[in-house]
Amino acid sequence: MHEGDGLGVYTRPAVAVDGRRAVTVSIIATAAPADLPTLNQATGALIDHALCGVPSRRG
């Protein structure tokens, strides 16, 4: 998978292990560069919830 980051645009694609579900989170930051560790933690939790249907254990 390719995350596809660019100037002010951040995407996080993911696919479930069984390949039956997929999700892509796209974020547009317009004011300042994103805090990437925080962005990655938040999008990781969202993706875990979307694919697994349970709260993330990240962070």
Protein backbone atom coordinates (compact mmCIF):
# COMPACT_ATOMS: atom_id res chain seq x y z
CA MET A 1 0.00 0.00 0.00
CA HIS A 2 1.10 3.54 -0.63
CA GLU A 3 0.11 6.29 1.78
CA GLY A 4 0.25 9.02 -0.87
CA ASP A 5 1.21 12.00 1.30
CA GLY A 6 1.61 15.34 -0.41
CA LEU A 7 1.60 19.00 0.52
CA GLY A 8 -1.21 19.25 3.08
CA VAL A 9 -2.85 15.97 2.00
CA TYR A 10 -2.46 12.72 3.93
CA THR A 11 -4.04 9.39 3.02
CA ARG A 12 -3.97 6.14 4.96
CA PRO A 13 -5.28 3.06 3.08
CA ALA A 14 -5.74 -0.34 4.72
CA VAL A 15 -7.20 -3.74 3.91
CA ALA A 16 -8.41 -6.42 6.32
CA VAL A 17 -6.26 -9.56 6.53
CA ASP A 18 -8.97 -11.61 4.79
CA GLY A 19 -9.29 -8.97 2.02
CA ARG A 20 -13.03 -8.57 2.53
CA ARG A 21 -12.92 -4.99 3.84
CA ALA A 22 -10.91 -1.93 2.94
CA VAL A 23 -10.81 1.65 4.15
CA THR A 24 -9.00 4.82 3.14
CA VAL A 25 -8.75 7.82 5.43
CA SER A 26 -7.99 11.12 3.72
CA ILE A 27 -7.02 14.23 5.68
CA ILE A 28 -6.43 17.73 4.36
CA ALA A 29 -4.42 20.11 6.53
CA THR A 30 -4.73 23.73 5.46
CA ALA A 31 -3.28 25.77 8.32
CA ALA A 32 0.06 24.20 9.21
CA PRO A 33 2.03 21.01 8.62
CA ALA A 34 0.44 18.06 10.38
CA ASP A 35 1.90 16.53 13.52
CA LEU A 36 2.63 13.18 11.84
CA PRO A 37 2.96 11.03 14.98
CA THR A 38 -0.43 12.27 16.22
CA LEU A 39 -1.97 11.96 12.75
CA ASN A 40 -0.70 8.38 12.41
CA GLN A 41 -1.97 7.40 15.85
CA ALA A 42 -5.43 8.88 15.22
CA THR A 43 -5.82 7.44 11.73
CA GLY A 44 -4.50 4.07 12.92
CA ALA A 45 -7.18 3.95 15.61
CA LEU A 46 -9.87 4.93 13.10
CA ILE A 47 -8.71 2.27 10.63
CA ASP A 48 -8.56 -0.41 13.34
CA HIS A 49 -12.11 0.44 14.36
CA ALA A 50 -13.36 0.47 10.77
CA LEU A 51 -11.77 -2.85 9.83
CA CYS A 52 -12.12 -4.74 13.11
CA GLY A 53 -15.19 -3.13 14.64
CA VAL A 54 -13.41 -2.78 17.99
CA PRO A 55 -11.56 0.06 19.68
CA SER A 56 -7.88 0.27 18.87
CA ARG A 57 -5.23 -0.78 21.35
CA ARG A 58 -2.75 1.73 19.87
CA GLY A 59 -1.06 4.40 21.94
